[in-house]
Amino acid sequence: MRPFLSRLRALISYIKKTYDRVAVAYSGGTDSSVLLYAAVKALGRKNVIACTACLPYVVNVCPPTPVDVKQIRIRPNVEDVFRKDRDEHPCYLCKRAIYGAIHETVGDVDGVMDGTNVSELTRGRPGLRALYELHVDIPLIKCGLGDQTTSVLASYLNLRARSGACSLVLSPEWPDVEVSDPGRLNRTARLRKPRSERWSLSECLEFTIHAPLPERRTETYECIRRGNALAFRVLGGRVTEAVASYFRECWNV
């Protein structure tokens, strides 16, 4: 079997074993489209709700779903994201607002799922802490799906996924964003997204995550507490497998 299909089967199996009815945060991008497809395959259309956030800085706020499911629009309060005196990173505040609104809106579901994938962990994900605090599941990470795998699956499954990185309408104070044309700063800027998971073979890396320390020692990774977060280091083997193993063990939502 092709490796990317094995990942898809693992994803479908995980969702089927974990949930009876679920909400999927759906942006229309590749990752959330693949996650939505897997959820429908696992649970059926009647047991899946696609939630799209209607935000002032998101392009294509309500894209078509790749499968026929119930789709709801949410309008989270994101005023704190744009405050100049904010103490938290705007991505964290944005995720808190989005998933807080989803929890309030969807009602009778067993859980909420986010489409963050393994590759994104190495690019800095301040919003990951919000997902953990709000008990949002991250199946793509737990099943070892990264950028390349989701892109190949979206093409293979002929999903109508929106390509490219998220487009944001930003204030001049928004940090950590690369803007090619300063004159367009208040309209649109694109967050960087690597074309491939170049680190996905055998190597070591470090990134910061917000989740508990593992209860047991492993030979593939180690975690060190740093303030309210953890420093994660792969000790050997495939990075994807080490990361997936950690999150399956420790990200219990």
Protein backbone atom coordinates (compact mmCIF):
# COMPACT_ATOMS: atom_id res chain seq x y z
CA MET A 1 0.00 0.00 0.00
CA ARG A 2 1.19 3.52 -0.75
CA PRO A 3 2.52 5.25 2.39
CA PHE A 4 0.12 8.20 2.16
CA LEU A 5 -2.86 5.83 1.99
CA SER A 6 -1.60 4.03 5.09
CA ARG A 7 -1.59 7.37 6.89
CA LEU A 8 -5.13 8.07 5.72
CA ARG A 9 -6.33 4.69 6.97
CA ALA A 10 -4.68 5.30 10.32
CA LEU A 11 -6.40 8.70 10.53
CA ILE A 12 -9.82 7.27 9.70
CA SER A 13 -9.31 4.45 12.19
CA TYR A 14 -8.30 6.85 14.96
CA ILE A 15 -11.38 9.05 14.45
CA LYS A 16 -13.70 6.03 14.29
CA LYS A 17 -12.34 4.60 17.54
CA THR A 18 -12.36 7.94 19.37
CA TYR A 19 -15.62 9.65 18.39
CA ASP A 20 -19.28 9.06 17.58
CA ARG A 21 -20.05 12.65 16.59
CA VAL A 22 -17.47 15.37 16.01
CA ALA A 23 -16.93 18.96 14.89
CA VAL A 24 -14.10 19.82 12.49
CA ALA A 25 -12.56 23.28 12.31
CA TYR A 26 -12.68 23.81 8.55
CA SER A 27 -10.77 26.62 6.83
CA GLY A 28 -10.94 25.22 3.31
CA GLY A 29 -7.20 24.55 3.26
CA THR A 30 -5.50 21.25 2.49
CA ASP A 31 -5.11 20.05 6.06
CA SER A 32 -8.64 20.71 7.25
CA SER A 33 -10.07 19.31 3.99
CA VAL A 34 -8.23 16.02 4.49
CA LEU A 35 -9.31 15.91 8.13
CA LEU A 36 -12.93 16.59 7.20
CA TYR A 37 -12.84 13.88 4.53
CA ALA A 38 -11.44 11.35 7.03
CA ALA A 39 -14.07 12.29 9.63
CA VAL A 40 -16.90 11.68 7.17
CA LYS A 41 -15.40 8.36 6.10
CA ALA A 42 -15.10 7.31 9.73
CA LEU A 43 -18.41 8.55 11.15
CA GLY A 44 -20.73 9.35 8.24
CA ARG A 45 -22.01 12.74 7.12
CA LYS A 46 -24.73 13.00 9.76
CA ASN A 47 -22.18 12.78 12.56
CA VAL A 48 -19.77 15.46 11.31
CA ILE A 49 -20.11 19.23 11.52
CA ALA A 50 -17.75 21.53 9.62
CA CYS A 51 -17.18 24.84 11.43
CA THR A 52 -15.81 27.86 9.58
CA ALA A 53 -14.79 31.00 11.43
CA CYS A 54 -15.95 34.31 9.97
CA LEU A 55 -13.10 36.65 10.90
CA PRO A 56 -12.25 40.17 9.72
CA TYR A 57 -8.80 39.11 8.46
CA VAL A 58 -9.47 35.77 6.75
CA VAL A 59 -9.84 35.39 2.98
CA ASN A 60 -12.40 32.82 1.73
CA VAL A 61 -14.23 32.80 5.04
CA CYS A 62 -16.74 30.18 3.92
CA PRO A 63 -15.22 27.94 1.23
CA PRO A 64 -17.15 24.93 -0.10
CA THR A 65 -16.71 21.75 1.90
CA PRO A 66 -15.03 18.84 0.06
CA VAL A 67 -17.87 16.60 1.19
CA ASP A 68 -21.55 17.21 1.81
CA VAL A 69 -21.82 17.94 5.53
CA LYS A 70 -23.54 20.43 7.76
CA GLN A 71 -21.48 23.63 7.83
CA ILE A 72 -21.92 26.43 10.34
CA ARG A 73 -20.38 29.88 10.47
CA ILE A 74 -19.10 31.23 13.74
CA ARG A 75 -18.24 34.81 14.60
CA PRO A 76 -15.77 34.76 17.48
CA ASN A 77 -14.88 37.93 19.33
CA VAL A 78 -11.29 38.67 18.32
CA GLU A 79 -10.91 42.18 19.74
CA ASP A 80 -8.07 41.08 22.04
CA VAL A 81 -6.05 39.96 19.01
CA PHE A 82 -5.65 43.53 17.81
CA ARG A 83 -4.98 45.23 21.16
CA LYS A 84 -1.60 46.95 21.22
CA ASP A 85 -1.15 46.21 24.94
CA ARG A 86 -1.88 42.48 24.63
CA ASP A 87 0.23 40.16 26.78
CA GLU A 88 -0.28 37.02 24.68
CA HIS A 89 0.72 36.22 21.10
CA PRO A 90 -2.10 37.13 18.65
CA CYS A 91 -2.20 33.60 17.24
CA TYR A 92 -2.91 32.23 20.71
CA LEU A 93 -5.66 34.79 21.29
CA CYS A 94 -7.17 34.09 17.88
CA LYS A 95 -7.28 30.33 18.48
CA ARG A 96 -8.82 30.87 21.91
CA ALA A 97 -11.55 33.00 20.34
CA ILE A 98 -12.24 30.61 17.47
CA TYR A 99 -12.41 27.40 19.47
CA GLY A 100 -14.26 29.03 22.34
CA ALA A 101 -16.94 30.03 19.83
CA ILE A 102 -17.00 26.55 18.29
CA HIS A 103 -17.54 24.93 21.69
CA GLU A 104 -20.38 27.33 22.41
CA THR A 105 -22.02 26.78 19.02
CA VAL A 106 -21.84 23.11 18.06
CA GLY A 107 -23.52 21.62 21.10
CA ASP A 108 -23.94 17.84 21.09
CA VAL A 109 -20.58 16.50 19.86
CA ASP A 110 -17.96 14.27 21.46
CA GLY A 111 -15.11 16.56 20.53
CA VAL A 112 -13.62 19.22 18.27
CA MET A 113 -10.74 18.51 15.86
CA ASP A 114 -8.11 20.86 14.43
CA GLY A 115 -6.07 20.32 11.26
CA THR A 116 -2.61 21.26 12.55
CA ASN A 117 -0.12 18.82 11.03
CA VAL A 118 3.29 17.52 12.09
CA SER A 119 5.27 19.84 9.81
CA GLU A 120 3.72 22.95 11.33
CA LEU A 121 5.11 22.18 14.77
CA THR A 122 8.63 23.16 13.70
CA ARG A 123 7.45 26.52 12.34
CA GLY A 124 6.25 27.84 15.65
CA ARG A 125 2.60 27.41 16.66
CA PRO A 126 1.69 29.82 19.47
CA GLY A 127 -1.94 28.79 19.06
CA LEU A 128 -1.17 25.20 20.01
CA ARG A 129 -1.43 26.07 23.70
CA ALA A 130 -4.98 27.32 23.15
CA LEU A 131 -5.93 24.01 21.53
CA TYR A 132 -4.65 22.08 24.53
CA GLU A 133 -6.36 24.37 27.04
CA LEU A 134 -9.68 24.04 25.21
CA HIS A 135 -9.41 20.25 24.75
CA VAL A 136 -9.19 20.35 20.97
CA ASP A 137 -7.89 17.19 19.32
CA ILE A 138 -5.11 17.16 16.68
CA PRO A 139 -5.50 13.87 14.77
CA LEU A 140 -3.16 14.75 11.88
CA ILE A 141 -0.26 15.05 14.30
CA LYS A 142 -1.20 11.91 16.22
CA CYS A 143 -1.31 9.94 12.98
CA GLY A 144 1.92 11.41 11.59
CA LEU A 145 0.57 13.46 8.68
CA GLY A 146 2.69 16.40 7.50
CA ASP A 147 2.62 18.90 4.63
CA GLN A 148 3.60 16.46 1.90
CA THR A 149 1.19 13.75 2.99
CA THR A 150 -1.85 16.03 3.20
CA SER A 151 -1.00 17.67 -0.13
CA VAL A 152 -0.70 14.31 -1.86
CA LEU A 153 -3.92 13.05 -0.25
CA ALA A 154 -5.87 16.17 -1.23
CA SER A 155 -4.75 15.71 -4.84
CA TYR A 156 -5.36 11.95 -4.81
CA LEU A 157 -8.85 12.36 -3.32
CA ASN A 158 -9.63 15.30 -5.62
CA LEU A 159 -10.61 17.50 -2.71
CA ARG A 160 -11.53 21.10 -3.44
CA ALA A 161 -8.97 22.46 -1.02
CA ARG A 162 -7.73 26.02 -1.04
CA SER A 163 -3.98 26.02 -1.67
CA GLY A 164 -1.37 28.31 -0.14
CA ALA A 165 -0.87 29.77 3.30
CA CYS A 166 -3.46 31.65 5.32
CA SER A 167 -4.02 35.23 4.18
CA LEU A 168 -4.36 37.77 6.97
CA VAL A 169 -5.31 41.42 7.09
CA LEU A 170 -2.82 42.72 9.62
CA SER A 171 -2.10 45.76 11.71
CA PRO A 172 1.45 47.23 11.56
CA GLU A 173 2.06 45.90 15.08
CA TRP A 174 1.43 42.26 14.13
CA PRO A 175 4.65 40.34 14.94
CA ASP A 176 6.60 37.63 13.13
CA VAL A 177 5.10 38.12 9.67
CA GLU A 178 6.96 38.42 6.39
CA VAL A 179 5.52 41.13 4.15
CA SER A 180 6.79 41.43 0.59
CA ASP A 181 5.09 44.77 -0.13
CA PRO A 182 4.97 47.18 2.85
CA GLY A 183 2.33 49.24 1.08
CA ARG A 184 -0.11 46.36 1.41
CA LEU A 185 0.52 45.80 5.12
CA ASN A 186 -3.00 46.71 6.19
CA ARG A 187 -4.60 44.56 3.53
CA THR A 188 -2.94 41.20 3.05
CA ALA A 189 0.25 39.46 4.13
CA ARG A 190 1.18 35.82 3.79
CA LEU A 191 2.61 33.63 6.48
CA ARG A 192 5.55 31.52 5.36
CA LYS A 193 4.91 27.85 4.64
CA PRO A 194 7.68 25.50 3.46
CA ARG A 195 7.01 23.48 0.35
CA SER A 196 8.10 20.17 1.86
CA GLU A 197 8.86 18.54 5.18
CA ARG A 198 12.60 18.47 4.62
CA TRP A 199 13.21 17.46 8.21
CA SER A 200 10.89 14.42 8.08
CA LEU A 201 13.63 11.79 7.66
CA SER A 202 16.11 10.92 10.41
CA GLU A 203 17.42 13.96 12.23
CA CYS A 204 17.07 15.82 15.50
CA LEU A 205 15.19 19.06 16.03
CA GLU A 206 13.88 21.15 18.86
CA PHE A 207 10.63 23.03 19.15
CA THR A 208 8.39 24.22 21.94
CA ILE A 209 5.04 22.65 22.69
CA HIS A 210 2.40 23.14 25.37
CA ALA A 211 1.45 19.77 26.77
CA PRO A 212 2.33 17.51 29.73
CA LEU A 213 5.56 15.65 30.30
CA PRO A 214 5.38 11.99 29.26
CA GLU A 215 4.96 9.49 32.08
CA ARG A 216 7.73 7.24 30.81
CA ARG A 217 11.11 7.62 29.15
CA THR A 218 11.52 6.68 25.51
CA GLU A 219 14.43 6.07 23.19
CA THR A 220 13.03 8.21 20.40
CA TYR A 221 12.46 11.60 22.09
CA GLU A 222 12.93 13.58 25.28
CA CYS A 223 11.00 16.47 26.81
CA ILE A 224 12.35 19.18 29.11
CA ARG A 225 10.14 21.63 31.00
CA ARG A 226 10.73 25.29 30.09
CA GLY A 227 8.40 27.58 31.97
CA ASN A 228 4.84 26.80 30.92
CA ALA A 229 6.00 24.86 27.87
CA LEU A 230 8.22 21.93 26.91
CA ALA A 231 11.28 21.64 24.75
CA PHE A 232 10.94 18.54 22.58
CA ARG A 233 13.97 16.84 21.06
CA VAL A 234 14.00 13.84 18.75
CA LEU A 235 16.73 11.40 19.76
CA GLY A 236 16.56 8.98 16.87
CA GLY A 237 14.47 7.44 14.13
CA ARG A 238 11.91 9.24 12.00
CA VAL A 239 10.91 12.62 13.33
CA THR A 240 7.31 12.11 12.24
CA GLU A 241 7.01 8.89 14.24
CA ALA A 242 8.59 10.38 17.37
CA VAL A 243 6.30 13.42 17.32
CA ALA A 244 3.19 11.33 16.64
CA SER A 245 4.12 8.97 19.46
CA TYR A 246 4.48 11.81 21.94
CA PHE A 247 1.16 13.41 21.08
CA ARG A 248 -0.72 10.11 21.12
CA GLU A 249 0.56 9.52 24.65
CA CYS A 250 0.32 13.00 26.13
CA TRP A 251 -2.29 15.04 24.22
CA ASN A 252 -5.34 13.52 25.92
CA VAL A 253 -8.38 15.61 25.24
